[in-house]
């Protein structure tokens, strides 16, 4: 990473891992913007379920990849949607970035996703079983793109955020 690039740290992980909660705190510690790529896509193109329904997942992943590219170029703490790593182009964008994988146990995420209205967990299947299946399908990709992993299961988000900020400062 060259010195002329803005300070950046990318957060990846499954839904319920705390990417937004931790990310906002890390950004505050580092004095940089917090960017949620899903929110950027929604602000520009509308709700994600609508994009999926009208244009399919491949189109959504293209929009998401562009949002990730813009966010990484701008710098700051960049939070990716849980499925962003499934796109090979997005994984390539992350190759030279400091990427933090926020992991979380099934037990801890059960408390976080209860009643959260997460579209991916709606259906006949138990939401926790669905979450676990999705997590296992993506875990290797999270590990592939990440530089370091922090487990958010049982530790205070504020402490995790401080540790990530300290880790990121150490890369400078």
N, C-alpha and C. Protein backbone atom coordinates (compact mmCIF):
# COMPACT_ATOMS: atom_id res chain seq x y z
N UNK A 1 0.83 -1.17 0.00
CA UNK A 1 0.00 0.00 0.00
C UNK A 1 0.88 1.24 0.00
N UNK A 2 0.62 2.12 -0.93
CA UNK A 2 1.44 3.31 -1.03
C UNK A 2 0.93 4.38 -0.08
N UNK A 3 1.82 5.33 0.24
CA UNK A 3 1.48 6.38 1.20
C UNK A 3 0.46 7.38 0.65
N UNK A 4 0.30 7.47 -0.67
CA UNK A 4 -0.63 8.44 -1.24
C UNK A 4 -2.08 7.92 -1.26
N UNK A 5 -2.27 6.69 -0.91
CA UNK A 5 -3.62 6.13 -0.87
C UNK A 5 -4.28 6.48 0.45
N UNK A 6 -5.60 6.71 0.43
CA UNK A 6 -6.29 7.00 1.69
C UNK A 6 -6.30 5.77 2.60
N UNK A 7 -6.33 6.03 3.90
CA UNK A 7 -6.39 4.95 4.86
C UNK A 7 -7.69 4.18 4.65
N UNK A 8 -7.56 2.88 4.47
CA UNK A 8 -8.72 2.03 4.18
C UNK A 8 -8.64 0.75 5.00
N UNK A 9 -9.79 0.28 5.43
CA UNK A 9 -9.91 -1.06 6.00
C UNK A 9 -11.28 -1.57 5.56
N UNK A 10 -11.31 -2.79 5.06
CA UNK A 10 -12.54 -3.39 4.56
C UNK A 10 -13.02 -4.45 5.55
N UNK A 11 -14.33 -4.44 5.82
CA UNK A 11 -14.92 -5.43 6.72
C UNK A 11 -15.80 -6.39 5.92
N UNK A 12 -15.56 -7.68 6.11
CA UNK A 12 -16.39 -8.71 5.48
C UNK A 12 -16.87 -9.66 6.57
N UNK A 13 -17.92 -10.39 6.26
CA UNK A 13 -18.43 -11.38 7.20
C UNK A 13 -19.91 -11.59 6.98
N UNK A 14 -20.47 -12.56 7.67
CA UNK A 14 -21.89 -12.88 7.49
C UNK A 14 -22.80 -11.85 8.13
N UNK A 15 -24.08 -11.91 7.76
CA UNK A 15 -25.05 -11.04 8.42
C UNK A 15 -25.05 -11.35 9.90
N UNK A 16 -25.16 -10.28 10.69
CA UNK A 16 -25.20 -10.44 12.13
C UNK A 16 -23.83 -10.45 12.80
N UNK A 17 -22.76 -10.32 12.01
CA UNK A 17 -21.41 -10.35 12.60
C UNK A 17 -21.03 -9.01 13.23
N UNK A 18 -21.75 -7.95 12.86
CA UNK A 18 -21.46 -6.65 13.44
C UNK A 18 -20.68 -5.71 12.54
N UNK A 19 -20.73 -5.93 11.23
CA UNK A 19 -19.96 -5.09 10.31
C UNK A 19 -20.32 -3.61 10.44
N UNK A 20 -21.60 -3.31 10.55
CA UNK A 20 -22.01 -1.90 10.65
C UNK A 20 -21.66 -1.35 12.03
N UNK A 21 -22.01 -2.07 13.07
CA UNK A 21 -21.75 -1.61 14.44
C UNK A 21 -20.26 -1.41 14.69
N UNK A 22 -19.47 -2.40 14.35
CA UNK A 22 -18.03 -2.31 14.54
C UNK A 22 -17.44 -1.29 13.57
N UNK A 23 -17.90 -1.31 12.34
CA UNK A 23 -17.35 -0.43 11.32
C UNK A 23 -17.48 1.04 11.66
N UNK A 24 -18.64 1.45 12.15
CA UNK A 24 -18.83 2.86 12.54
C UNK A 24 -17.84 3.24 13.64
N UNK A 25 -17.63 2.36 14.58
CA UNK A 25 -16.71 2.65 15.68
C UNK A 25 -15.25 2.70 15.19
N UNK A 26 -14.88 1.77 14.32
CA UNK A 26 -13.51 1.78 13.77
C UNK A 26 -13.27 3.08 13.02
N UNK A 27 -14.24 3.49 12.22
CA UNK A 27 -14.10 4.74 11.45
C UNK A 27 -13.90 5.92 12.39
N UNK A 28 -14.63 5.95 13.48
CA UNK A 28 -14.50 7.04 14.45
C UNK A 28 -13.10 7.04 15.07
N UNK A 29 -12.62 5.85 15.44
CA UNK A 29 -11.27 5.75 16.02
C UNK A 29 -10.20 6.22 15.04
N UNK A 30 -10.37 5.90 13.76
CA UNK A 30 -9.37 6.24 12.76
C UNK A 30 -9.56 7.62 12.16
N UNK A 31 -10.71 8.24 12.43
CA UNK A 31 -10.99 9.57 11.88
C UNK A 31 -11.21 9.56 10.37
N UNK A 32 -11.86 8.49 9.89
CA UNK A 32 -12.14 8.35 8.46
C UNK A 32 -13.63 8.08 8.26
N UNK A 33 -14.12 8.21 7.03
CA UNK A 33 -15.54 7.93 6.79
C UNK A 33 -15.87 6.45 6.93
N UNK A 34 -17.13 6.18 7.23
CA UNK A 34 -17.67 4.82 7.21
C UNK A 34 -18.53 4.69 5.97
N UNK A 35 -18.28 3.65 5.18
CA UNK A 35 -19.03 3.43 3.94
C UNK A 35 -19.64 2.04 3.97
N UNK A 36 -20.94 1.98 3.85
CA UNK A 36 -21.67 0.71 3.76
C UNK A 36 -22.06 0.55 2.29
N UNK A 37 -21.45 -0.42 1.61
CA UNK A 37 -21.68 -0.55 0.16
C UNK A 37 -23.11 -0.94 -0.17
N UNK A 38 -23.76 -1.74 0.68
CA UNK A 38 -25.17 -2.07 0.44
C UNK A 38 -26.02 -0.81 0.46
N UNK A 39 -25.77 0.06 1.41
CA UNK A 39 -26.55 1.31 1.50
C UNK A 39 -26.33 2.18 0.27
N UNK A 40 -25.12 2.17 -0.24
CA UNK A 40 -24.85 2.95 -1.46
C UNK A 40 -25.63 2.40 -2.66
N UNK A 41 -25.67 1.08 -2.77
CA UNK A 41 -26.43 0.47 -3.87
C UNK A 41 -27.91 0.82 -3.72
N UNK A 42 -28.44 0.69 -2.53
CA UNK A 42 -29.86 0.99 -2.28
C UNK A 42 -30.16 2.46 -2.59
N UNK A 43 -29.29 3.36 -2.17
CA UNK A 43 -29.51 4.79 -2.40
C UNK A 43 -29.55 5.11 -3.89
N UNK A 44 -28.78 4.40 -4.66
CA UNK A 44 -28.69 4.70 -6.10
C UNK A 44 -29.70 3.92 -6.94
N UNK A 45 -29.98 2.66 -6.57
CA UNK A 45 -30.78 1.79 -7.44
C UNK A 45 -32.07 1.27 -6.82
N UNK A 46 -32.25 1.50 -5.53
CA UNK A 46 -33.46 1.02 -4.87
C UNK A 46 -33.19 -0.22 -4.03
N UNK A 47 -34.24 -0.74 -3.40
CA UNK A 47 -34.09 -1.89 -2.50
C UNK A 47 -33.46 -3.11 -3.17
N UNK A 48 -32.59 -3.76 -2.43
CA UNK A 48 -31.88 -4.93 -2.96
C UNK A 48 -32.84 -6.04 -3.39
N UNK A 49 -33.88 -6.36 -2.61
CA UNK A 49 -34.81 -7.40 -3.09
C UNK A 49 -35.45 -7.04 -4.43
N UNK A 50 -35.70 -5.75 -4.66
CA UNK A 50 -36.27 -5.32 -5.94
C UNK A 50 -35.28 -5.50 -7.08
N UNK A 51 -34.01 -5.22 -6.82
CA UNK A 51 -32.97 -5.42 -7.84
C UNK A 51 -32.87 -6.89 -8.20
N UNK A 52 -32.85 -7.74 -7.18
CA UNK A 52 -32.80 -9.19 -7.41
C UNK A 52 -34.00 -9.63 -8.25
N UNK A 53 -35.19 -9.18 -7.87
CA UNK A 53 -36.42 -9.61 -8.55
C UNK A 53 -36.45 -9.13 -10.00
N UNK A 54 -36.05 -7.90 -10.24
CA UNK A 54 -36.15 -7.33 -11.58
C UNK A 54 -35.00 -7.73 -12.51
N UNK A 55 -33.80 -7.88 -11.94
CA UNK A 55 -32.62 -8.07 -12.79
C UNK A 55 -31.77 -9.28 -12.46
N UNK A 56 -32.02 -9.93 -11.32
CA UNK A 56 -31.26 -11.11 -10.94
C UNK A 56 -30.03 -10.79 -10.10
N UNK A 57 -29.50 -11.85 -9.51
CA UNK A 57 -28.35 -11.70 -8.63
C UNK A 57 -27.11 -11.23 -9.36
N UNK A 58 -26.88 -11.72 -10.58
CA UNK A 58 -25.67 -11.33 -11.32
C UNK A 58 -25.61 -9.82 -11.52
N UNK A 59 -26.74 -9.23 -11.86
CA UNK A 59 -26.79 -7.77 -12.05
C UNK A 59 -26.52 -7.05 -10.73
N UNK A 60 -27.14 -7.54 -9.66
CA UNK A 60 -26.88 -6.94 -8.35
C UNK A 60 -25.41 -7.00 -8.01
N UNK A 61 -24.76 -8.14 -8.25
CA UNK A 61 -23.34 -8.28 -7.92
C UNK A 61 -22.48 -7.30 -8.73
N UNK A 62 -22.89 -7.00 -9.96
CA UNK A 62 -22.17 -5.99 -10.76
C UNK A 62 -22.28 -4.61 -10.11
N UNK A 63 -23.49 -4.26 -9.70
CA UNK A 63 -23.70 -2.97 -9.03
C UNK A 63 -22.91 -2.91 -7.73
N UNK A 64 -22.94 -4.01 -7.00
CA UNK A 64 -22.22 -4.10 -5.74
C UNK A 64 -20.71 -3.96 -5.96
N UNK A 65 -20.18 -4.65 -6.98
CA UNK A 65 -18.75 -4.59 -7.28
C UNK A 65 -18.33 -3.14 -7.58
N UNK A 66 -19.15 -2.43 -8.35
CA UNK A 66 -18.85 -1.03 -8.66
C UNK A 66 -18.85 -0.18 -7.39
N UNK A 67 -19.81 -0.44 -6.50
CA UNK A 67 -19.86 0.31 -5.23
C UNK A 67 -18.64 0.01 -4.37
N UNK A 68 -18.19 -1.24 -4.35
CA UNK A 68 -16.99 -1.61 -3.60
C UNK A 68 -15.77 -0.91 -4.20
N UNK A 69 -15.64 -0.92 -5.51
CA UNK A 69 -14.50 -0.27 -6.17
C UNK A 69 -14.45 1.22 -5.83
N UNK A 70 -15.59 1.89 -5.89
CA UNK A 70 -15.65 3.32 -5.56
C UNK A 70 -15.27 3.56 -4.10
N UNK A 71 -15.82 2.75 -3.20
CA UNK A 71 -15.58 2.93 -1.77
C UNK A 71 -14.11 2.71 -1.42
N UNK A 72 -13.51 1.68 -1.98
CA UNK A 72 -12.10 1.39 -1.70
C UNK A 72 -11.22 2.52 -2.25
N UNK A 73 -11.56 3.04 -3.40
CA UNK A 73 -10.80 4.14 -3.99
C UNK A 73 -10.89 5.40 -3.10
N UNK A 74 -12.09 5.64 -2.53
CA UNK A 74 -12.29 6.81 -1.66
C UNK A 74 -11.57 6.65 -0.33
N UNK A 75 -11.54 5.45 0.19
CA UNK A 75 -10.89 5.19 1.46
C UNK A 75 -11.84 5.34 2.63
N UNK A 76 -11.43 4.80 3.76
CA UNK A 76 -12.24 4.80 4.96
C UNK A 76 -12.48 3.38 5.41
N UNK A 77 -13.45 3.21 6.29
CA UNK A 77 -13.85 1.89 6.72
C UNK A 77 -15.00 1.47 5.82
N UNK A 78 -14.79 0.40 5.06
CA UNK A 78 -15.74 -0.04 4.04
C UNK A 78 -16.37 -1.36 4.48
N UNK A 79 -17.68 -1.33 4.69
CA UNK A 79 -18.42 -2.53 5.09
C UNK A 79 -19.11 -3.12 3.87
N UNK A 80 -18.81 -4.38 3.59
CA UNK A 80 -19.41 -5.08 2.45
C UNK A 80 -20.59 -5.91 2.89
N UNK A 81 -21.55 -6.07 2.01
CA UNK A 81 -22.65 -6.99 2.25
C UNK A 81 -22.10 -8.40 2.40
N UNK A 82 -22.83 -9.23 3.11
CA UNK A 82 -22.36 -10.58 3.41
C UNK A 82 -22.03 -11.42 2.18
N UNK A 83 -22.74 -11.20 1.07
CA UNK A 83 -22.51 -12.00 -0.13
C UNK A 83 -21.55 -11.40 -1.13
N UNK A 84 -21.00 -10.23 -0.84
CA UNK A 84 -20.11 -9.56 -1.80
C UNK A 84 -18.93 -10.43 -2.21
N UNK A 85 -18.44 -11.24 -1.28
CA UNK A 85 -17.25 -12.07 -1.56
C UNK A 85 -17.56 -13.20 -2.54
N UNK A 86 -18.83 -13.44 -2.84
CA UNK A 86 -19.16 -14.50 -3.79
C UNK A 86 -18.82 -14.10 -5.22
N UNK A 87 -18.58 -12.82 -5.46
CA UNK A 87 -18.25 -12.32 -6.79
C UNK A 87 -16.74 -12.29 -6.97
N UNK A 88 -16.23 -12.98 -7.99
CA UNK A 88 -14.78 -13.06 -8.19
C UNK A 88 -14.17 -11.69 -8.47
N UNK A 89 -14.91 -10.82 -9.16
CA UNK A 89 -14.40 -9.47 -9.42
C UNK A 89 -14.23 -8.67 -8.14
N UNK A 90 -15.16 -8.82 -7.22
CA UNK A 90 -15.04 -8.14 -5.93
C UNK A 90 -13.86 -8.71 -5.15
N UNK A 91 -13.69 -10.02 -5.18
CA UNK A 91 -12.54 -10.61 -4.48
C UNK A 91 -11.24 -10.07 -5.05
N UNK A 92 -11.17 -9.89 -6.35
CA UNK A 92 -9.97 -9.33 -6.98
C UNK A 92 -9.73 -7.91 -6.50
N UNK A 93 -10.78 -7.11 -6.37
CA UNK A 93 -10.65 -5.73 -5.88
C UNK A 93 -10.04 -5.68 -4.48
N UNK A 94 -10.30 -6.72 -3.70
CA UNK A 94 -9.85 -6.74 -2.30
C UNK A 94 -8.43 -7.27 -2.14
N UNK A 95 -7.85 -7.75 -3.21
CA UNK A 95 -6.56 -8.44 -3.13
C UNK A 95 -5.47 -7.64 -2.41
N UNK A 96 -5.40 -6.34 -2.64
CA UNK A 96 -4.34 -5.53 -2.06
C UNK A 96 -4.82 -4.64 -0.92
N UNK A 97 -5.98 -4.96 -0.37
CA UNK A 97 -6.56 -4.15 0.70
C UNK A 97 -6.44 -4.87 2.05
N UNK A 98 -6.36 -4.09 3.13
CA UNK A 98 -6.43 -4.70 4.46
C UNK A 98 -7.88 -5.08 4.74
N UNK A 99 -8.14 -6.38 4.83
CA UNK A 99 -9.51 -6.88 4.98
C UNK A 99 -9.65 -7.62 6.30
N UNK A 100 -10.68 -7.23 7.06
CA UNK A 100 -10.98 -7.86 8.34
C UNK A 100 -12.21 -8.75 8.16
N UNK A 101 -12.07 -10.00 8.52
CA UNK A 101 -13.19 -10.94 8.54
C UNK A 101 -13.76 -10.93 9.94
N UNK A 102 -15.01 -10.44 10.06
CA UNK A 102 -15.71 -10.49 11.34
C UNK A 102 -16.51 -11.77 11.38
N UNK A 103 -16.09 -12.68 12.23
CA UNK A 103 -16.78 -13.96 12.37
C UNK A 103 -17.67 -13.90 13.60
N UNK A 104 -18.63 -14.82 13.64
CA UNK A 104 -19.56 -14.87 14.76
C UNK A 104 -20.09 -16.29 14.87
N UNK A 105 -20.31 -16.74 16.07
CA UNK A 105 -20.83 -18.09 16.29
C UNK A 105 -22.33 -18.14 16.03
N UNK A 106 -22.82 -19.32 15.78
CA UNK A 106 -24.26 -19.55 15.59
C UNK A 106 -25.04 -19.08 16.82
N UNK A 107 -24.54 -19.39 18.00
CA UNK A 107 -25.23 -19.04 19.24
C UNK A 107 -25.35 -17.53 19.40
N UNK A 108 -24.26 -16.82 19.13
CA UNK A 108 -24.28 -15.36 19.29
C UNK A 108 -25.16 -14.70 18.23
N UNK A 109 -25.10 -15.20 17.01
CA UNK A 109 -25.89 -14.57 15.94
C UNK A 109 -27.38 -14.82 16.14
N UNK A 110 -27.74 -15.88 16.84
CA UNK A 110 -29.16 -16.18 17.08
C UNK A 110 -29.84 -15.00 17.78
N UNK A 111 -29.14 -14.41 18.74
CA UNK A 111 -29.69 -13.26 19.46
C UNK A 111 -29.79 -12.04 18.55
N UNK A 112 -28.84 -11.89 17.64
CA UNK A 112 -28.77 -10.69 16.80
C UNK A 112 -29.77 -10.69 15.65
N UNK A 113 -30.10 -11.85 15.12
CA UNK A 113 -30.97 -11.88 13.93
C UNK A 113 -32.43 -12.08 14.29
N UNK A 114 -32.72 -12.38 15.53
CA UNK A 114 -34.10 -12.60 15.95
C UNK A 114 -34.92 -11.34 15.71
N UNK A 115 -35.95 -11.43 14.89
CA UNK A 115 -36.85 -10.31 14.63
C UNK A 115 -36.22 -9.18 13.86
N UNK A 116 -35.10 -9.43 13.19
CA UNK A 116 -34.39 -8.35 12.50
C UNK A 116 -34.93 -8.08 11.10
N UNK A 117 -35.86 -8.89 10.60
CA UNK A 117 -36.43 -8.66 9.29
C UNK A 117 -35.43 -8.76 8.16
N UNK A 118 -34.55 -9.72 8.22
CA UNK A 118 -33.54 -9.88 7.17
C UNK A 118 -34.13 -10.74 6.05
N UNK A 119 -34.24 -10.16 4.86
CA UNK A 119 -34.91 -10.85 3.74
C UNK A 119 -34.33 -12.22 3.41
N UNK A 120 -33.03 -12.37 3.53
CA UNK A 120 -32.39 -13.64 3.19
C UNK A 120 -32.82 -14.76 4.12
N UNK A 121 -33.33 -14.40 5.29
CA UNK A 121 -33.71 -15.41 6.28
C UNK A 121 -35.20 -15.69 6.32
N UNK A 122 -35.96 -15.06 5.43
CA UNK A 122 -37.41 -15.27 5.38
C UNK A 122 -37.70 -16.55 4.60
N UNK A 123 -38.67 -17.30 5.06
CA UNK A 123 -39.06 -18.53 4.37
C UNK A 123 -39.45 -19.60 5.35
N UNK A 124 -39.64 -20.80 4.82
CA UNK A 124 -40.08 -21.91 5.66
C UNK A 124 -38.97 -22.50 6.52
N UNK A 125 -37.73 -22.40 6.05
CA UNK A 125 -36.60 -22.96 6.78
C UNK A 125 -36.33 -22.12 8.04
N UNK A 126 -35.88 -22.79 9.10
CA UNK A 126 -35.50 -22.09 10.31
C UNK A 126 -34.44 -21.03 9.95
N UNK A 127 -34.66 -19.76 10.36
CA UNK A 127 -33.72 -18.70 9.98
C UNK A 127 -32.28 -18.97 10.42
N UNK A 128 -32.13 -19.56 11.59
CA UNK A 128 -30.79 -19.85 12.08
C UNK A 128 -30.11 -20.94 11.25
N UNK A 129 -30.88 -21.95 10.85
CA UNK A 129 -30.33 -22.99 9.98
C UNK A 129 -29.94 -22.40 8.63
N UNK A 130 -30.77 -21.52 8.11
CA UNK A 130 -30.46 -20.87 6.83
C UNK A 130 -29.21 -20.01 6.97
N UNK A 131 -29.12 -19.24 8.06
CA UNK A 131 -27.92 -18.42 8.29
C UNK A 131 -26.68 -19.30 8.30
N UNK A 132 -26.77 -20.41 9.03
CA UNK A 132 -25.61 -21.30 9.16
C UNK A 132 -25.21 -21.89 7.80
N UNK A 133 -26.18 -22.27 7.00
CA UNK A 133 -25.90 -22.83 5.68
C UNK A 133 -25.20 -21.79 4.80
N UNK A 134 -25.71 -20.55 4.83
CA UNK A 134 -25.10 -19.48 4.05
C UNK A 134 -23.69 -19.20 4.54
N UNK A 135 -23.51 -19.14 5.84
CA UNK A 135 -22.20 -18.88 6.42
C UNK A 135 -21.19 -19.94 6.00
N UNK A 136 -21.58 -21.19 6.09
CA UNK A 136 -20.66 -22.27 5.71
C UNK A 136 -20.32 -22.22 4.23
N UNK A 137 -21.26 -21.83 3.41
CA UNK A 137 -21.01 -21.73 1.97
C UNK A 137 -20.02 -20.61 1.64
N UNK A 138 -19.97 -19.58 2.49
CA UNK A 138 -19.13 -18.41 2.20
C UNK A 138 -17.86 -18.34 3.04
N UNK A 139 -17.77 -19.14 4.08
CA UNK A 139 -16.66 -19.01 5.02
C UNK A 139 -15.29 -19.05 4.34
N UNK A 140 -15.10 -19.99 3.43
CA UNK A 140 -13.80 -20.10 2.76
C UNK A 140 -13.48 -18.82 1.98
N UNK A 141 -14.50 -18.20 1.39
CA UNK A 141 -14.29 -16.95 0.65
C UNK A 141 -13.90 -15.81 1.59
N UNK A 142 -14.57 -15.74 2.75
CA UNK A 142 -14.19 -14.72 3.74
C UNK A 142 -12.73 -14.90 4.14
N UNK A 143 -12.36 -16.13 4.39
CA UNK A 143 -10.98 -16.42 4.81
C UNK A 143 -10.00 -16.12 3.68
N UNK A 144 -10.40 -16.39 2.45
CA UNK A 144 -9.53 -16.16 1.29
C UNK A 144 -9.19 -14.68 1.13
N UNK A 145 -10.16 -13.79 1.32
CA UNK A 145 -9.92 -12.37 1.08
C UNK A 145 -9.38 -11.63 2.30
N UNK A 146 -9.47 -12.24 3.48
CA UNK A 146 -9.14 -11.49 4.69
C UNK A 146 -7.65 -11.54 5.04
N UNK A 147 -7.24 -10.46 5.70
CA UNK A 147 -5.89 -10.31 6.21
C UNK A 147 -5.84 -10.80 7.65
N UNK A 148 -6.95 -10.60 8.37
CA UNK A 148 -7.03 -10.93 9.79
C UNK A 148 -8.49 -11.22 10.13
N UNK A 149 -8.71 -11.99 11.19
CA UNK A 149 -10.06 -12.32 11.62
C UNK A 149 -10.27 -11.89 13.07
N UNK A 150 -11.45 -11.34 13.33
CA UNK A 150 -11.87 -10.99 14.69
C UNK A 150 -13.21 -11.66 14.93
N UNK A 151 -13.32 -12.39 16.03
CA UNK A 151 -14.58 -13.04 16.39
C UNK A 151 -15.39 -12.06 17.24
N UNK A 152 -16.61 -11.76 16.80
CA UNK A 152 -17.46 -10.79 17.50
C UNK A 152 -18.48 -11.45 18.40
N UNK A 153 -18.37 -12.75 18.60
CA UNK A 153 -19.40 -13.51 19.30
C UNK A 153 -19.68 -13.03 20.72
N UNK A 154 -18.68 -12.87 21.52
CA UNK A 154 -18.91 -12.63 22.94
C UNK A 154 -18.13 -11.46 23.52
N UNK A 155 -17.47 -10.68 22.70
CA UNK A 155 -16.69 -9.56 23.21
C UNK A 155 -17.39 -8.26 22.87
N UNK A 156 -17.21 -7.23 23.66
CA UNK A 156 -17.86 -5.95 23.37
C UNK A 156 -17.40 -5.38 22.03
N UNK A 157 -18.38 -4.88 21.27
CA UNK A 157 -18.08 -4.32 19.95
C UNK A 157 -17.10 -3.16 20.05
N UNK A 158 -17.20 -2.37 21.13
CA UNK A 158 -16.30 -1.23 21.30
C UNK A 158 -14.84 -1.70 21.43
N UNK A 159 -14.62 -2.78 22.14
CA UNK A 159 -13.27 -3.31 22.30
C UNK A 159 -12.75 -3.86 20.97
N UNK A 160 -13.59 -4.58 20.27
CA UNK A 160 -13.19 -5.13 18.96
C UNK A 160 -12.82 -3.99 18.01
N UNK A 161 -13.63 -2.93 18.01
CA UNK A 161 -13.36 -1.79 17.14
C UNK A 161 -12.01 -1.15 17.46
N UNK A 162 -11.71 -0.98 18.74
CA UNK A 162 -10.40 -0.42 19.13
C UNK A 162 -9.26 -1.31 18.65
N UNK A 163 -9.44 -2.62 18.80
CA UNK A 163 -8.39 -3.55 18.37
C UNK A 163 -8.18 -3.50 16.86
N UNK A 164 -9.26 -3.39 16.11
CA UNK A 164 -9.15 -3.30 14.64
C UNK A 164 -8.45 -2.00 14.26
N UNK A 165 -8.85 -0.89 14.90
CA UNK A 165 -8.21 0.39 14.61
C UNK A 165 -6.72 0.35 14.93
N UNK A 166 -6.36 -0.24 16.06
CA UNK A 166 -4.95 -0.36 16.43
C UNK A 166 -4.21 -1.23 15.42
N UNK A 167 -4.83 -2.34 15.01
CA UNK A 167 -4.22 -3.21 14.01
C UNK A 167 -4.00 -2.44 12.71
N UNK A 168 -5.00 -1.69 12.28
CA UNK A 168 -4.90 -0.95 11.01
C UNK A 168 -3.82 0.12 11.08
N UNK A 169 -3.74 0.82 12.20
CA UNK A 169 -2.69 1.84 12.35
C UNK A 169 -1.30 1.21 12.24
N UNK A 170 -1.19 -0.02 12.73
CA UNK A 170 0.09 -0.72 12.68
C UNK A 170 0.53 -1.07 11.27
N UNK A 171 -0.38 -1.04 10.31
CA UNK A 171 -0.03 -1.33 8.91
C UNK A 171 0.52 -0.10 8.20
N UNK A 172 0.27 1.06 8.75
CA UNK A 172 0.67 2.32 8.09
C UNK A 172 2.17 2.52 8.12
